Each structure stands twice: as structure tokens, then as C-alpha cells.
């Protein structure tokens, strides 16, 4: 008995069916990957929250300054919390990042300070991953005191960021994330320590709002 063989037409039909199935699955897989990154980012903020609470307990409810914690312009706020997490390392500027190449200003944050949706960035001209809300500062580059925040559960402390102006801080809605859910959401650590994913439309544009000021 002669064995049946696929004709060219039948083979093309099978390939077309596989292509159709793949085109239906790929968006779902991409969405699942994006959701996984968003969940990992939120998990990072929860771990940062633990560091914030530990530091605040040791320093009278204060946070680190956004810069200059280890000397003039040395020691970003992330470096302080990284030092709390890895106390055996010597405290140094940019210790929470790895440099792309020797002498480069392109860096990638390490451990919980790296948002999985972001990559290397030039810290001289932009900001990525996570930054703190400097509207809460009592003075320029001053520490934030959480005990003075009237609505901590509604006041931003740290959020994921992706913008092209400024370094290491958040000073308004234009600086907030836009890196999750097709650039429509940001993950936020509030001043009471809880973390949520927030739609961009829910973030007040006015920095006089209590979301920014805590008052």
C-alpha cells in the first residue's frame, strides 16, 4: 500500500494555521510578561519599604537626603538603603549601581533598586528605575521626616520613574513612571509603607496636592 504524503498545498495550509495560532498567542504572552515585570517591580518597592521602615526607626522617623549622605554630592538615597541591606560593603557613592564600563556615566541599579522594565541609563542627564518625592523635603536636599506627614497613606514617597530631565528625584507628575501597562501606570511606595500600582490618570498634576505634600 502506498503511504500518503502531504501535498504542497496541505503543507502551506498547516503552516498558515500555525501562524494564525501563534499570532493569537503572542499578544497574550507579551501581556503576561509585562504583568510579571510589573509584579516584580512592586515586589522591589515592598522590599525597599522594609528598608525605609528600618532606617526611619533608627533615625527618628527621618529618611535619607536624596543626595550627599556620605559627603558632598556623594551617597544617593538609594545608596543609604543599599548599605542597610548590605552593611558589610563600605559606604560609597553609587554603590547601589553597576557601571556599564569603566569611567562611564551609564549605570544599572542592583538588586531591589532595579525596575525590570528599565535598563542602563546616563545618570548625568536622566533618571530611571526608582526615585523619591522631593516635594516632601523641608529644605533643599533635606531629610524627609515621616512623622510630619499628615496623610502618609495617601502621600507618595518612592515611585518608578522614566524621564529625561533631572537626576535622582521626583518633583511632579511629569517625573513619574509610565513604564507599566503600556506606559499607563506606575508602581508607588506610599509614606506609610504600603505599595500599589496606580494608573497615571490617578496621579495629581499639581504638586500642592496632599499626594505630593502630605498635608
C-alpha atoms as a PDB file:
ATOM      1  CA  UNK A   1       0.000   0.000   0.000  1.00  0.00           C
ATOM      2  CA  UNK A   2       1.378   3.416  -0.940  1.00  0.00           C
ATOM      3  CA  UNK A   3       1.904   5.758   2.001  1.00  0.00           C
ATOM      4  CA  UNK A   4       0.097   9.090   1.774  1.00  0.00           C
ATOM      5  CA  UNK A   5       2.211  12.216   1.577  1.00  0.00           C
ATOM      6  CA  UNK A   6       1.498  15.881   2.295  1.00  0.00           C
ATOM      7  CA  UNK A   7       0.994  17.895  -0.813  1.00  0.00           C
ATOM      8  CA  UNK A   8       2.498  21.370  -1.045  1.00  0.00           C
ATOM      9  CA  UNK A   9      -0.949  22.916  -0.644  1.00  0.00           C
ATOM     10  CA  UNK A  10      -1.646  20.906   2.516  1.00  0.00           C
ATOM     11  CA  UNK A  11       1.733  21.849   3.947  1.00  0.00           C
ATOM     12  CA  UNK A  12       1.072  25.534   3.291  1.00  0.00           C
ATOM     13  CA  UNK A  13      -2.316  25.227   4.982  1.00  0.00           C
ATOM     14  CA  UNK A  14      -0.691  23.709   8.101  1.00  0.00           C
ATOM     15  CA  UNK A  15       1.923  26.484   8.186  1.00  0.00           C
ATOM     16  CA  UNK A  16      -0.807  29.115   7.837  1.00  0.00           C
ATOM     17  CA  UNK A  17      -2.791  27.574  10.727  1.00  0.00           C
ATOM     18  CA  UNK A  18       0.321  27.540  12.944  1.00  0.00           C
ATOM     19  CA  UNK A  19       0.999  31.179  12.046  1.00  0.00           C
ATOM     20  CA  UNK A  20      -2.569  32.158  12.957  1.00  0.00           C
ATOM     21  CA  UNK A  21      -2.364  30.355  16.307  1.00  0.00           C
ATOM     22  CA  UNK A  22       0.996  31.987  17.038  1.00  0.00           C
ATOM     23  CA  UNK A  23      -0.378  35.447  16.218  1.00  0.00           C
ATOM     24  CA  UNK A  24      -3.197  34.826  18.701  1.00  0.00           C
ATOM     25  CA  UNK A  25      -0.870  33.625  21.465  1.00  0.00           C
ATOM     26  CA  UNK A  26       1.960  36.167  21.178  1.00  0.00           C
ATOM     27  CA  UNK A  27      -0.032  39.200  22.466  1.00  0.00           C
ATOM     28  CA  UNK A  28      -1.193  37.138  25.457  1.00  0.00           C
ATOM     29  CA  UNK A  29       2.370  36.004  26.161  1.00  0.00           C
ATOM     30  CA  UNK A  30       3.608  39.601  25.851  1.00  0.00           C
ATOM     31  CA  UNK A  31       0.903  40.775  28.245  1.00  0.00           C
ATOM     32  CA  UNK A  32       1.800  38.026  30.725  1.00  0.00           C
ATOM     33  CA  UNK A  33       5.475  39.032  30.538  1.00  0.00           C
ATOM     34  CA  UNK A  34       4.571  42.672  31.158  1.00  0.00           C
ATOM     35  CA  UNK A  35       2.414  41.697  34.132  1.00  0.00           C
ATOM     36  CA  UNK A  36       5.261  39.630  35.568  1.00  0.00           C
ATOM     37  CA  UNK A  37       7.616  42.613  35.331  1.00  0.00           C
ATOM     38  CA  UNK A  38       5.053  44.865  36.987  1.00  0.00           C
ATOM     39  CA  UNK A  39       4.646  42.375  39.850  1.00  0.00           C
ATOM     40  CA  UNK A  40       8.437  42.118  40.265  1.00  0.00           C
ATOM     41  CA  UNK A  41       8.713  45.923  40.321  1.00  0.00           C
ATOM     42  CA  UNK A  42       6.036  46.099  43.013  1.00  0.00           C
ATOM     43  CA  UNK A  43       7.869  43.414  44.983  1.00  0.00           C
ATOM     44  CA  UNK A  44      11.043  45.535  44.781  1.00  0.00           C
ATOM     45  CA  UNK A  45       9.201  48.500  46.273  1.00  0.00           C
ATOM     46  CA  UNK A  46       7.875  46.350  49.106  1.00  0.00           C
ATOM     47  CA  UNK A  47      11.430  45.324  49.964  1.00  0.00           C
ATOM     48  CA  UNK A  48      12.551  48.959  49.759  1.00  0.00           C
ATOM     49  CA  UNK A  49       9.666  49.762  52.112  1.00  0.00           C
ATOM     50  CA  UNK A  50      11.169  47.407  54.705  1.00  0.00           C
ATOM     51  CA  UNK A  51      14.480  49.272  54.427  1.00  0.00           C
ATOM     52  CA  UNK A  52      12.690  52.630  54.745  1.00  0.00           C
ATOM     53  CA  UNK A  53      10.938  51.495  57.932  1.00  0.00           C
ATOM     54  CA  UNK A  54      14.172  50.124  59.422  1.00  0.00           C
ATOM     55  CA  UNK A  55      16.090  53.339  58.694  1.00  0.00           C
ATOM     56  CA  UNK A  56      13.237  55.503  59.972  1.00  0.00           C
ATOM     57  CA  UNK A  57      13.113  53.516  63.208  1.00  0.00           C
ATOM     58  CA  UNK A  58      16.840  54.129  63.765  1.00  0.00           C
ATOM     59  CA  UNK A  59      16.794  57.821  62.814  1.00  0.00           C
ATOM     60  CA  UNK A  60      13.708  59.302  64.457  1.00  0.00           C
ATOM     61  CA  UNK A  61      11.302  58.829  61.577  1.00  0.00           C
ATOM     62  CA  UNK A  62      13.604  60.505  59.045  1.00  0.00           C
ATOM     63  CA  UNK A  63      14.583  59.396  55.567  1.00  0.00           C
ATOM     64  CA  UNK A  64      17.987  59.904  53.945  1.00  0.00           C
ATOM     65  CA  UNK A  65      18.584  63.000  51.843  1.00  0.00           C
ATOM     66  CA  UNK A  66      18.222  62.369  48.132  1.00  0.00           C
ATOM     67  CA  UNK A  67      21.971  63.092  47.733  1.00  0.00           C
ATOM     68  CA  UNK A  68      25.025  63.900  49.862  1.00  0.00           C
ATOM     69  CA  UNK A  69      24.503  61.301  52.582  1.00  0.00           C
ATOM     70  CA  UNK A  70      28.153  60.157  52.528  1.00  0.00           C
ATOM     71  CA  UNK A  71      29.733  63.523  51.698  1.00  0.00           C
ATOM     72  CA  UNK A  72      29.294  66.415  49.275  1.00  0.00           C
ATOM     73  CA  UNK A  73      27.248  65.038  46.361  1.00  0.00           C
ATOM     74  CA  UNK A  74      28.174  61.518  47.448  1.00  0.00           C
ATOM     75  CA  UNK A  75      25.662  58.951  48.641  1.00  0.00           C
ATOM     76  CA  UNK A  76      22.281  58.927  46.951  1.00  0.00           C
ATOM     77  CA  UNK A  77      19.240  57.913  48.978  1.00  0.00           C
ATOM     78  CA  UNK A  78      19.354  54.502  47.299  1.00  0.00           C
ATOM     79  CA  UNK A  79      22.960  54.067  48.461  1.00  0.00           C
ATOM     80  CA  UNK A  80      21.890  54.530  52.079  1.00  0.00           C
ATOM     81  CA  UNK A  81      19.194  51.882  51.867  1.00  0.00           C
ATOM     82  CA  UNK A  82      21.539  49.597  49.919  1.00  0.00           C
ATOM     83  CA  UNK A  83      24.073  49.975  52.718  1.00  0.00           C
ATOM     84  CA  UNK A  84      21.376  48.966  55.200  1.00  0.00           C
ATOM     85  CA  UNK A  85      20.759  45.873  53.095  1.00  0.00           C
ATOM     86  CA  UNK A  86      24.471  45.081  52.561  1.00  0.00           C
ATOM     87  CA  UNK A  87      26.227  46.529  55.660  1.00  0.00           C
ATOM     88  CA  UNK A  88      29.467  44.616  55.026  1.00  0.00           C
ATOM     89  CA  UNK A  89      30.183  46.810  51.993  1.00  0.00           C
ATOM     90  CA  UNK A  90      31.973  50.128  52.518  1.00  0.00           C
ATOM     91  CA  UNK A  91      29.595  53.077  52.137  1.00  0.00           C
ATOM     92  CA  UNK A  92      30.258  54.810  48.818  1.00  0.00           C
ATOM     93  CA  UNK A  93      28.572  56.926  46.170  1.00  0.00           C
ATOM     94  CA  UNK A  94      26.546  54.983  43.584  1.00  0.00           C
ATOM     95  CA  UNK A  95      27.125  51.718  45.444  1.00  0.00           C
ATOM     96  CA  UNK A  96      23.597  50.604  44.521  1.00  0.00           C
ATOM     97  CA  UNK A  97      24.544  50.603  40.814  1.00  0.00           C
ATOM     98  CA  UNK A  98      26.909  48.787  38.497  1.00  0.00           C
ATOM     99  CA  UNK A  99      28.707  50.825  35.833  1.00  0.00           C
ATOM    100  CA  UNK A 100      28.355  49.767  32.195  1.00  0.00           C
ATOM    101  CA  UNK A 101      32.070  50.257  31.561  1.00  0.00           C
ATOM    102  CA  UNK A 102      34.984  51.891  33.458  1.00  0.00           C
ATOM    103  CA  UNK A 103      34.583  55.674  33.518  1.00  0.00           C
ATOM    104  CA  UNK A 104      31.084  55.524  32.017  1.00  0.00           C
ATOM    105  CA  UNK A 105      28.126  57.503  33.379  1.00  0.00           C
ATOM    106  CA  UNK A 106      25.766  54.761  32.193  1.00  0.00           C
ATOM    107  CA  UNK A 107      24.629  52.685  35.165  1.00  0.00           C
ATOM    108  CA  UNK A 108      22.225  49.906  36.087  1.00  0.00           C
ATOM    109  CA  UNK A 109      20.861  49.639  39.638  1.00  0.00           C
ATOM    110  CA  UNK A 110      21.383  46.388  41.530  1.00  0.00           C
ATOM    111  CA  UNK A 111      19.030  44.095  43.454  1.00  0.00           C
ATOM    112  CA  UNK A 112      15.724  45.669  44.539  1.00  0.00           C
ATOM    113  CA  UNK A 113      16.694  49.088  43.146  1.00  0.00           C
ATOM    114  CA  UNK A 114      16.357  47.858  39.572  1.00  0.00           C
ATOM    115  CA  UNK A 115      12.941  48.050  37.940  1.00  0.00           C
ATOM    116  CA  UNK A 116      12.693  45.143  35.442  1.00  0.00           C
ATOM    117  CA  UNK A 117      11.064  47.446  32.880  1.00  0.00           C
ATOM    118  CA  UNK A 118      14.090  49.763  32.809  1.00  0.00           C
ATOM    119  CA  UNK A 119      17.690  49.368  31.656  1.00  0.00           C
ATOM    120  CA  UNK A 120      21.049  51.183  31.761  1.00  0.00           C
ATOM    121  CA  UNK A 121      20.732  54.993  31.844  1.00  0.00           C
ATOM    122  CA  UNK A 122      23.044  58.018  31.892  1.00  0.00           C
ATOM    123  CA  UNK A 123      22.646  59.369  35.425  1.00  0.00           C
ATOM    124  CA  UNK A 124      24.036  62.781  34.416  1.00  0.00           C
ATOM    125  CA  UNK A 125      21.088  63.597  32.163  1.00  0.00           C
ATOM    126  CA  UNK A 126      18.100  61.474  33.146  1.00  0.00           C
ATOM    127  CA  UNK A 127      16.571  59.216  35.777  1.00  0.00           C
ATOM    128  CA  UNK A 128      15.248  55.672  35.704  1.00  0.00           C
ATOM    129  CA  UNK A 129      14.070  52.878  37.991  1.00  0.00           C
ATOM    130  CA  UNK A 130      13.056  54.435  41.384  1.00  0.00           C
ATOM    131  CA  UNK A 131      13.153  57.942  42.838  1.00  0.00           C
ATOM    132  CA  UNK A 132      11.811  59.703  45.910  1.00  0.00           C
ATOM    133  CA  UNK A 133       9.342  62.547  46.271  1.00  0.00           C
ATOM    134  CA  UNK A 134      11.422  65.652  46.987  1.00  0.00           C
ATOM    135  CA  UNK A 135       8.300  67.821  47.420  1.00  0.00           C
ATOM    136  CA  UNK A 136       8.227  66.374  50.953  1.00  0.00           C
ATOM    137  CA  UNK A 137      11.618  67.885  51.818  1.00  0.00           C
ATOM    138  CA  UNK A 138      11.519  70.666  54.397  1.00  0.00           C
ATOM    139  CA  UNK A 139      14.528  72.247  52.653  1.00  0.00           C
ATOM    140  CA  UNK A 140      16.563  71.650  49.504  1.00  0.00           C
ATOM    141  CA  UNK A 141      18.205  68.242  49.724  1.00  0.00           C
ATOM    142  CA  UNK A 142      16.964  67.884  53.294  1.00  0.00           C
ATOM    143  CA  UNK A 143      15.806  64.715  55.013  1.00  0.00           C
ATOM    144  CA  UNK A 144      12.106  63.845  54.953  1.00  0.00           C
ATOM    145  CA  UNK A 145      10.500  63.347  58.366  1.00  0.00           C
ATOM    146  CA  UNK A 146       7.636  60.868  58.143  1.00  0.00           C
ATOM    147  CA  UNK A 147       6.144  61.895  61.490  1.00  0.00           C
ATOM    148  CA  UNK A 148       5.249  65.271  59.994  1.00  0.00           C
ATOM    149  CA  UNK A 149       3.251  63.785  57.103  1.00  0.00           C
ATOM    150  CA  UNK A 150      -0.454  64.233  57.873  1.00  0.00           C
ATOM    151  CA  UNK A 151      -1.761  61.715  55.319  1.00  0.00           C
ATOM    152  CA  UNK A 152       1.007  59.131  54.934  1.00  0.00           C
ATOM    153  CA  UNK A 153      -1.259  56.507  53.352  1.00  0.00           C
ATOM    154  CA  UNK A 154      -2.087  58.971  50.556  1.00  0.00           C
ATOM    155  CA  UNK A 155       1.344  60.582  50.131  1.00  0.00           C
ATOM    156  CA  UNK A 156       3.924  59.356  47.629  1.00  0.00           C
ATOM    157  CA  UNK A 157       7.404  58.575  48.908  1.00  0.00           C
ATOM    158  CA  UNK A 158       9.040  56.491  46.138  1.00  0.00           C
ATOM    159  CA  UNK A 159       7.856  55.590  42.632  1.00  0.00           C
ATOM    160  CA  UNK A 160       9.276  54.062  39.492  1.00  0.00           C
ATOM    161  CA  UNK A 161      10.388  56.753  37.067  1.00  0.00           C
ATOM    162  CA  UNK A 162      11.315  57.158  33.432  1.00  0.00           C
ATOM    163  CA  UNK A 163      12.043  60.687  32.357  1.00  0.00           C
ATOM    164  CA  UNK A 164      14.669  62.683  30.509  1.00  0.00           C
ATOM    165  CA  UNK A 165      15.117  65.646  32.826  1.00  0.00           C
ATOM    166  CA  UNK A 166      16.760  65.605  36.213  1.00  0.00           C
ATOM    167  CA  UNK A 167      18.561  63.179  38.445  1.00  0.00           C
ATOM    168  CA  UNK A 168      17.542  61.013  41.385  1.00  0.00           C
ATOM    169  CA  UNK A 169      14.367  62.810  42.433  1.00  0.00           C
ATOM    170  CA  UNK A 170      10.684  63.351  41.716  1.00  0.00           C
ATOM    171  CA  UNK A 171       9.297  66.864  41.677  1.00  0.00           C
ATOM    172  CA  UNK A 172       5.954  66.448  39.929  1.00  0.00           C
ATOM    173  CA  UNK A 173       3.690  64.153  37.927  1.00  0.00           C
ATOM    174  CA  UNK A 174       5.827  64.546  34.784  1.00  0.00           C
ATOM    175  CA  UNK A 175       8.597  62.601  36.518  1.00  0.00           C
ATOM    176  CA  UNK A 176       6.500  59.528  37.400  1.00  0.00           C
ATOM    177  CA  UNK A 177       6.947  56.147  35.694  1.00  0.00           C
ATOM    178  CA  UNK A 178       4.818  55.473  32.618  1.00  0.00           C
ATOM    179  CA  UNK A 179       6.673  52.193  32.286  1.00  0.00           C
ATOM    180  CA  UNK A 180       3.922  49.685  33.134  1.00  0.00           C
ATOM    181  CA  UNK A 181       0.715  48.653  31.382  1.00  0.00           C
ATOM    182  CA  UNK A 182       1.803  50.119  28.061  1.00  0.00           C
ATOM    183  CA  UNK A 183       3.009  53.334  29.698  1.00  0.00           C
ATOM    184  CA  UNK A 184      -0.250  53.921  31.566  1.00  0.00           C
ATOM    185  CA  UNK A 185       0.705  53.026  35.142  1.00  0.00           C
ATOM    186  CA  UNK A 186       3.321  53.448  37.848  1.00  0.00           C
ATOM    187  CA  UNK A 187       4.188  51.478  40.969  1.00  0.00           C
ATOM    188  CA  UNK A 188       4.196  53.636  44.085  1.00  0.00           C
ATOM    189  CA  UNK A 189       5.509  53.262  47.632  1.00  0.00           C
ATOM    190  CA  UNK A 190       3.442  55.478  49.922  1.00  0.00           C
ATOM    191  CA  UNK A 191       4.769  57.152  53.055  1.00  0.00           C
ATOM    192  CA  UNK A 192       3.063  54.673  55.384  1.00  0.00           C
ATOM    193  CA  UNK A 193       4.939  51.798  53.727  1.00  0.00           C
ATOM    194  CA  UNK A 194       2.229  50.227  51.530  1.00  0.00           C
ATOM    195  CA  UNK A 195       2.784  49.784  47.789  1.00  0.00           C
ATOM    196  CA  UNK A 196       0.295  49.789  44.900  1.00  0.00           C
ATOM    197  CA  UNK A 197       0.103  50.008  41.131  1.00  0.00           C
ATOM    198  CA  UNK A 198      -1.564  53.302  40.201  1.00  0.00           C
ATOM    199  CA  UNK A 199      -2.993  54.462  36.880  1.00  0.00           C
ATOM    200  CA  UNK A 200      -1.360  57.603  35.530  1.00  0.00           C
ATOM    201  CA  UNK A 201      -4.750  59.342  35.498  1.00  0.00           C
ATOM    202  CA  UNK A 202      -4.907  58.989  39.292  1.00  0.00           C
ATOM    203  CA  UNK A 203      -1.669  60.898  39.912  1.00  0.00           C
ATOM    204  CA  UNK A 204      -2.379  64.601  40.697  1.00  0.00           C
ATOM    205  CA  UNK A 205      -0.581  67.008  38.384  1.00  0.00           C
ATOM    206  CA  UNK A 206      -0.476  69.804  40.970  1.00  0.00           C
ATOM    207  CA  UNK A 207       2.383  69.479  43.465  1.00  0.00           C
ATOM    208  CA  UNK A 208       0.254  71.356  46.022  1.00  0.00           C
ATOM    209  CA  UNK A 209      -1.965  68.279  46.324  1.00  0.00           C
ATOM    210  CA  UNK A 210      -1.561  66.228  49.529  1.00  0.00           C
ATOM    211  CA  UNK A 211      -0.444  63.311  47.325  1.00  0.00           C
ATOM    212  CA  UNK A 212       2.811  65.273  46.987  1.00  0.00           C
ATOM    213  CA  UNK A 213       2.940  67.462  50.094  1.00  0.00           C
ATOM    214  CA  UNK A 214       1.492  65.107  52.714  1.00  0.00           C
ATOM    215  CA  UNK A 215      -0.643  67.932  54.103  1.00  0.00           C
END
